[in-house]
Protein backbone atom coordinates (compact mmCIF):
# COMPACT_ATOMS: atom_id res chain seq x y z
CA UNK A 1 -16.02 18.06 -5.53
CA UNK A 2 -14.63 18.80 -2.07
CA UNK A 3 -11.68 16.50 -1.46
CA UNK A 4 -11.16 14.96 1.96
CA UNK A 5 -7.71 16.54 2.34
CA UNK A 6 -9.32 20.00 2.12
CA UNK A 7 -11.97 19.46 4.80
CA UNK A 8 -11.90 21.54 7.96
CA UNK A 9 -13.73 21.49 11.25
CA UNK A 10 -17.21 23.11 11.32
CA UNK A 11 -17.78 22.64 7.59
CA UNK A 12 -21.15 21.49 6.28
CA UNK A 13 -20.40 19.00 3.53
CA UNK A 14 -22.39 17.72 0.57
CA UNK A 15 -20.65 15.42 -1.86
CA UNK A 16 -20.20 11.96 -3.33
CA UNK A 17 -17.66 9.62 -1.73
CA UNK A 18 -16.79 5.95 -1.79
CA UNK A 19 -18.11 4.05 1.23
CA UNK A 20 -14.94 2.04 1.84
CA UNK A 21 -16.16 0.47 5.10
CA UNK A 22 -19.57 0.13 6.73
CA UNK A 23 -20.02 -1.28 10.22
CA UNK A 24 -23.23 -1.33 12.25
CA UNK A 25 -22.88 -0.90 16.01
CA UNK A 26 -24.78 0.12 19.14
CA UNK A 27 -24.22 2.87 21.68
CA UNK A 28 -23.92 2.04 25.37
CA UNK A 29 -27.65 2.69 25.60
CA UNK A 30 -28.37 0.11 22.91
CA UNK A 31 -29.17 2.63 20.16
CA UNK A 32 -28.02 1.50 16.67
CA UNK A 33 -25.64 3.61 14.59
CA UNK A 34 -23.39 3.13 11.55
CA UNK A 35 -19.61 3.54 11.35
CA UNK A 36 -18.36 4.44 7.88
CA UNK A 37 -15.01 5.09 6.28
CA UNK A 38 -15.36 7.48 3.36
CA UNK A 39 -12.65 7.62 0.73
CA UNK A 40 -11.53 9.71 -2.20
CA UNK A 41 -8.15 9.87 -3.92
CA UNK A 42 -6.78 12.28 -1.31
CA UNK A 43 -7.49 10.21 1.78
CA UNK A 44 -10.15 8.77 4.05
CA UNK A 45 -12.54 10.12 6.69
CA UNK A 46 -14.46 8.46 9.49
CA UNK A 47 -18.20 9.00 9.32
CA UNK A 48 -21.04 8.36 11.76
CA UNK A 49 -24.76 7.95 11.13
CA UNK A 50 -26.32 8.27 14.55
CA UNK A 51 -29.86 7.60 13.30
CA UNK A 52 -29.59 5.07 10.43
CA UNK A 53 -33.35 4.53 10.38
CA UNK A 54 -34.24 8.17 9.68
CA UNK A 55 -36.01 9.12 6.46
CA UNK A 56 -32.97 10.97 5.15
CA UNK A 57 -30.82 7.83 5.15
CA UNK A 58 -31.39 5.53 2.17
CA UNK A 59 -30.34 1.89 2.04
CA UNK A 60 -26.68 1.52 1.06
CA UNK A 61 -23.88 -1.03 1.15
CA UNK A 62 -20.14 -1.12 1.57
CA UNK A 63 -18.30 -0.15 -1.65
CA UNK A 64 -21.24 1.99 -2.83
CA UNK A 65 -20.62 5.52 -4.06
CA UNK A 66 -22.82 7.61 -1.79
CA UNK A 67 -23.89 11.24 -1.75
CA UNK A 68 -23.87 12.50 1.82
CA UNK A 69 -24.77 15.65 3.70
CA UNK A 70 -23.17 16.16 7.08
CA UNK A 71 -21.15 18.26 9.49
CA UNK A 72 -17.38 18.01 9.85
CA UNK A 73 -16.33 17.91 13.50
CA UNK A 74 -13.13 17.20 15.42
CA UNK A 75 -13.04 14.15 17.71
CA UNK A 76 -9.93 13.13 19.63
CA UNK A 77 -7.84 15.31 17.36
CA UNK A 78 -9.17 13.79 14.12
CA UNK A 79 -11.80 15.02 11.71
CA UNK A 80 -15.05 13.09 11.61
CA UNK A 81 -18.29 13.48 9.69
CA UNK A 82 -21.71 13.39 11.30
CA UNK A 83 -23.94 12.29 8.41
CA UNK A 84 -27.50 13.63 8.30
CA UNK A 85 -28.55 12.56 4.78
CA UNK A 86 -27.37 9.77 2.48
CA UNK A 87 -28.31 8.30 -0.89
CA UNK A 88 -26.58 5.95 -3.32
CA UNK A 89 -25.17 7.84 -6.31
CA UNK A 90 -25.98 6.66 -9.81
CA UNK A 91 -23.50 5.86 -12.57
CA UNK A 92 -22.47 9.00 -14.40
CA UNK A 93 -22.69 11.14 -11.27
CA UNK A 94 -19.06 10.50 -10.36
CA UNK A 95 -15.68 9.71 -11.89
CA UNK A 96 -14.17 6.56 -10.28
CA UNK A 97 -10.68 8.03 -10.72
CA UNK A 98 -11.54 10.68 -8.10
CA UNK A 99 -11.87 7.97 -5.46
CA UNK A 100 -8.71 5.96 -6.00
CA UNK A 101 -5.65 7.25 -4.13
CA UNK A 102 -2.83 7.40 -6.66
CA UNK A 103 0.90 7.99 -6.59
CA UNK A 104 1.85 11.61 -7.16
CA UNK A 105 4.68 10.39 -9.38
CA UNK A 106 4.43 9.27 -13.00
CA UNK A 107 3.66 5.56 -13.03
CA UNK A 108 4.98 5.11 -16.57
CA UNK A 109 8.09 7.13 -15.73
CA UNK A 110 8.78 5.02 -12.64
CA UNK A 111 8.32 1.79 -14.58
CA UNK A 112 10.74 2.89 -17.29
CA UNK A 113 13.27 3.65 -14.56
CA UNK A 114 12.69 0.23 -13.00
CA UNK A 115 13.40 -1.38 -16.37
CA UNK A 116 16.82 0.31 -16.47
CA UNK A 117 17.74 -1.59 -13.30
CA UNK A 118 16.53 -4.86 -14.81
CA UNK A 119 18.76 -4.23 -17.83
CA UNK A 120 21.74 -3.77 -15.47
CA UNK A 121 21.45 -7.35 -14.16
CA UNK A 122 24.34 -9.10 -15.91
CA UNK A 123 23.64 -12.62 -14.64
CA UNK A 124 21.59 -14.21 -17.39
CA UNK A 125 19.57 -16.46 -15.07
CA UNK A 126 18.60 -13.70 -12.64
CA UNK A 127 17.75 -11.26 -15.42
CA UNK A 128 15.51 -13.80 -17.18
CA UNK A 129 13.75 -14.61 -13.90
CA UNK A 130 12.92 -10.94 -13.39
CA UNK A 131 12.00 -10.39 -17.04
CA UNK A 132 9.58 -13.36 -16.89
CA UNK A 133 7.15 -11.06 -15.07
CA UNK A 134 8.34 -7.49 -15.53
CA UNK A 135 8.97 -7.63 -19.29
CA UNK A 136 7.24 -10.64 -20.81
CA UNK A 137 3.97 -10.77 -18.83
CA UNK A 138 1.88 -7.80 -20.01
CA UNK A 139 -1.02 -8.64 -17.71
CA UNK A 140 1.31 -8.71 -14.70
CA UNK A 141 2.92 -5.39 -15.70
CA UNK A 142 -0.47 -3.68 -15.91
CA UNK A 143 -1.50 -5.18 -12.59
CA UNK A 144 1.78 -4.26 -10.90
CA UNK A 145 1.65 -0.64 -12.09
CA UNK A 146 -1.77 -0.06 -10.55
CA UNK A 147 -1.25 -1.94 -7.31
CA UNK A 148 -0.72 -0.69 -3.78
CA UNK A 149 2.10 -1.81 -1.47
CA UNK A 150 -0.11 -2.09 1.61
CA UNK A 151 -3.68 -1.81 2.83
CA UNK A 152 -3.05 1.16 5.12
CA UNK A 153 0.45 1.45 6.61
CA UNK A 154 2.56 2.79 3.71
CA UNK A 155 2.19 3.26 -0.04
CA UNK A 156 -1.49 2.30 0.23
CA UNK A 157 -2.38 3.84 -3.13
CA UNK A 158 -2.44 2.91 -6.81
CA UNK A 159 1.14 2.87 -8.05
CA UNK A 160 2.34 2.47 -4.47
CA UNK A 161 3.85 -0.97 -5.02
CA UNK A 162 5.86 0.34 -7.97
CA UNK A 163 6.92 3.46 -6.06
CA UNK A 164 8.04 1.40 -3.05
CA UNK A 165 9.85 -1.17 -5.20
CA UNK A 166 11.76 1.52 -7.09
CA UNK A 167 12.76 3.25 -3.86
CA UNK A 168 14.05 -0.03 -2.41
CA UNK A 169 16.03 -0.75 -5.58
CA UNK A 170 17.63 2.71 -5.44
CA UNK A 171 18.70 2.18 -1.83
CA UNK A 172 20.11 -1.21 -2.78
CA UNK A 173 22.03 0.44 -5.60
CA UNK A 174 23.73 2.67 -3.04
CA UNK A 175 24.53 -0.34 -0.85
CA UNK A 176 25.93 -2.32 -3.79
CA UNK A 177 28.15 0.57 -4.88
CA UNK A 178 29.39 1.12 -1.31
CA UNK A 179 30.04 -2.44 -0.11
CA UNK A 180 32.05 -4.82 -2.27
CA UNK A 181 30.76 -7.89 -0.44
CA UNK A 182 27.35 -7.45 -2.07
CA UNK A 183 26.43 -9.28 -5.27
CA UNK A 184 24.78 -6.47 -7.24
CA UNK A 185 22.91 -8.77 -9.62
CA UNK A 186 21.38 -10.81 -6.81
CA UNK A 187 20.53 -7.71 -4.80
CA UNK A 188 18.84 -5.96 -7.74
CA UNK A 189 16.83 -9.06 -8.66
CA UNK A 190 15.73 -9.60 -5.06
CA UNK A 191 14.85 -5.93 -4.56
CA UNK A 192 12.73 -5.80 -7.71
CA UNK A 193 10.89 -9.00 -6.78
CA UNK A 194 10.77 -8.78 -2.98
CA UNK A 195 7.11 -7.69 -2.84
CA UNK A 196 5.91 -9.36 -6.02
CA UNK A 197 3.52 -11.46 -3.94
CA UNK A 198 1.53 -8.37 -2.98
CA UNK A 199 -0.04 -8.42 -6.44
CA UNK A 200 -1.97 -11.45 -5.17
CA UNK A 201 -2.06 -10.71 -1.45
CA UNK A 202 -4.12 -7.53 -1.91
CA UNK A 203 -7.11 -6.96 -4.15
CA UNK A 204 -7.39 -4.16 -6.69
CA UNK A 205 -8.91 -0.77 -5.92
CA UNK A 206 -11.37 0.31 -4.72
CA UNK A 207 -11.26 -2.66 -2.32
CA UNK A 208 -7.49 -2.78 -1.71
CA UNK A 209 -8.10 -5.46 0.90
CA UNK A 210 -6.58 -8.83 1.73
CA UNK A 211 -7.56 -11.63 -0.60
CA UNK A 212 -8.26 -15.13 0.66
CA UNK A 213 -4.82 -16.15 -0.64
CA UNK A 214 -3.28 -13.18 1.13
CA UNK A 215 -4.91 -14.04 4.43
CA UNK A 216 -3.97 -17.72 4.28
CA UNK A 217 -0.48 -17.56 2.75
CA UNK A 218 0.84 -13.99 2.73
CA UNK A 219 2.90 -12.08 0.19
CA UNK A 220 6.28 -13.52 1.18
CA UNK A 221 5.33 -17.13 0.49
CA UNK A 222 3.27 -16.10 -2.54
CA UNK A 223 6.31 -14.24 -3.87
CA UNK A 224 8.55 -17.28 -3.49
CA UNK A 225 5.96 -19.42 -5.30
CA UNK A 226 5.85 -16.89 -8.14
CA UNK A 227 9.64 -16.84 -8.45
CA UNK A 228 9.67 -20.65 -8.43
CA UNK A 229 7.34 -20.53 -11.44
CA UNK A 230 9.72 -18.20 -13.28
CA UNK A 231 12.79 -20.26 -12.35
CA UNK A 232 11.20 -23.46 -13.64
CA UNK A 233 10.83 -21.86 -17.08
CA UNK A 234 14.57 -21.13 -17.35
CA UNK A 235 16.65 -24.18 -18.39
CA UNK A 236 19.60 -25.10 -16.14
CA UNK A 237 18.90 -22.36 -13.59
CA UNK A 238 21.55 -23.00 -10.87
CA UNK A 239 19.95 -24.47 -7.76
CA UNK A 240 22.22 -22.59 -5.36
CA UNK A 241 21.47 -19.26 -7.06
CA UNK A 242 17.72 -20.01 -6.99
CA UNK A 243 17.90 -20.68 -3.26
CA UNK A 244 19.82 -17.45 -2.67
CA UNK A 245 17.25 -15.40 -4.57
CA UNK A 246 14.36 -17.04 -2.74
CA UNK A 247 16.11 -16.60 0.60
CA UNK A 248 16.38 -12.84 0.06
CA UNK A 249 12.61 -12.67 -0.58
CA UNK A 250 11.82 -14.95 2.38
CA UNK A 251 13.99 -12.94 4.79
CA UNK A 252 13.25 -9.39 3.64
CA UNK A 253 11.16 -8.56 6.74
CA UNK A 254 14.19 -9.36 8.84
CA UNK A 255 12.58 -10.91 11.91
CA UNK A 256 10.37 -13.94 12.49
CA UNK A 257 7.86 -11.81 14.41
CA UNK A 258 7.57 -9.50 11.39
CA UNK A 259 6.50 -12.38 9.14
CA UNK A 260 9.78 -13.62 7.66
CA UNK A 261 10.04 -17.43 7.81
CA UNK A 262 13.83 -17.05 8.01
CA UNK A 263 16.13 -14.32 9.33
CA UNK A 264 18.67 -12.92 6.84
CA UNK A 265 21.62 -15.26 6.30
CA UNK A 266 23.16 -13.53 3.26
CA UNK A 267 24.64 -10.04 3.03
CA UNK A 268 22.21 -9.28 0.18
CA UNK A 269 19.28 -10.31 2.38
CA UNK A 270 20.51 -7.98 5.14
CA UNK A 271 20.83 -5.08 2.72
CA UNK A 272 17.38 -5.74 1.26
CA UNK A 273 15.82 -5.88 4.73
CA UNK A 274 17.29 -2.50 5.70
CA UNK A 275 16.26 -0.89 2.42
CA UNK A 276 12.71 -2.24 2.68
CA UNK A 277 12.29 -1.17 6.31
CA UNK A 278 13.79 2.29 5.72
CA UNK A 279 11.49 3.10 2.80
CA UNK A 280 8.41 1.74 4.58
CA UNK A 281 9.05 3.78 7.73
CA UNK A 282 10.01 7.01 5.96
CA UNK A 283 6.96 6.77 3.70
CA UNK A 284 4.78 6.14 6.75
CA UNK A 285 6.15 9.33 8.32
CA UNK A 286 5.61 11.17 5.04
CA UNK A 287 1.95 10.19 4.98
CA UNK A 288 1.47 10.97 8.69
CA UNK A 289 2.94 14.44 8.35
CA UNK A 290 1.02 15.09 5.15
CA UNK A 291 -2.28 14.13 6.79
CA UNK A 292 -1.60 16.42 9.75
CA UNK A 293 0.30 19.45 8.52
CA UNK A 294 1.47 20.69 11.90
CA UNK A 295 4.60 20.84 14.02
CA UNK A 296 2.60 19.83 17.11
CA UNK A 297 3.21 16.44 18.68
CA UNK A 298 1.07 13.78 16.99
CA UNK A 299 0.89 11.38 19.93
CA UNK A 300 2.21 7.88 20.50
CA UNK A 301 2.61 5.78 17.37
CA UNK A 302 2.67 2.00 17.78
CA UNK A 303 4.81 1.39 14.70
CA UNK A 304 7.58 3.70 15.89
CA UNK A 305 6.93 3.15 19.62
CA UNK A 306 7.35 6.88 20.13
CA UNK A 307 5.53 10.19 20.20
CA UNK A 308 6.16 11.91 16.86
CA UNK A 309 6.27 15.39 15.46
CA UNK A 310 7.47 17.18 12.36
CA UNK A 311 10.59 19.35 12.60
CA UNK A 312 9.93 23.07 13.05
CA UNK A 313 11.87 24.28 10.00
């Protein structure tokens, strides 16, 4: 199998890929064509079928595994595939694991490390609230381990939610050890649970798309609802502490325009916001630079509001 990350301009490609997206469109002259996004575990590639009614193009649907023949070209600085032949692949012709982008780190190893932070939470109420999902709920643990942290922007791969969560917790550990004003137990609990709602906001692979619940409610509110469920199962959970934990989750995006219903009002919420934003942006840069291994300027990026390039050494 030729992985997407290894493709180069002027290649002629034959292989089986996941049709992640299919969109029918028309040229300016009214001629129909298909826009596709092909995916394997190493990345995605835009594809075009300029003559979808030709004999070499079989009927296919979004989320099908398709065998394609086409030419790799460069368009506006990005690789693209002009598809000449297409058929739907049968079961047994492909391994689904080859088409699911996955963390390069050990998922089990990361989860064991995350558990060490849960064990460090000394406050009995906060620890039990976290353990309600991350220790006692086996179905949740399995789901969490395989989930992504985003559809496209950062950590958009299986194990990405775990990788992002662990990174945020580690940054919060540094903050807690450096600034005495921070309540370490609250910060650890909030960091571990800040994106818990993404397990319901986004669907599993290969879709990795917004669910109806995710579109209507969003992961922040979903996360607060999930923590409310855990808190209700713990007798005599202090109301003030529950509100502080939920506030950290509600405010972890920092700004109203970024989706947080409230701006940070606690030091722990401020620390969590900075840790979350730092990991998201640095991982986004990591994935950008990995996709385009060059020290040339990459062009204006809307997220960073800047032209970007990798350092020369």
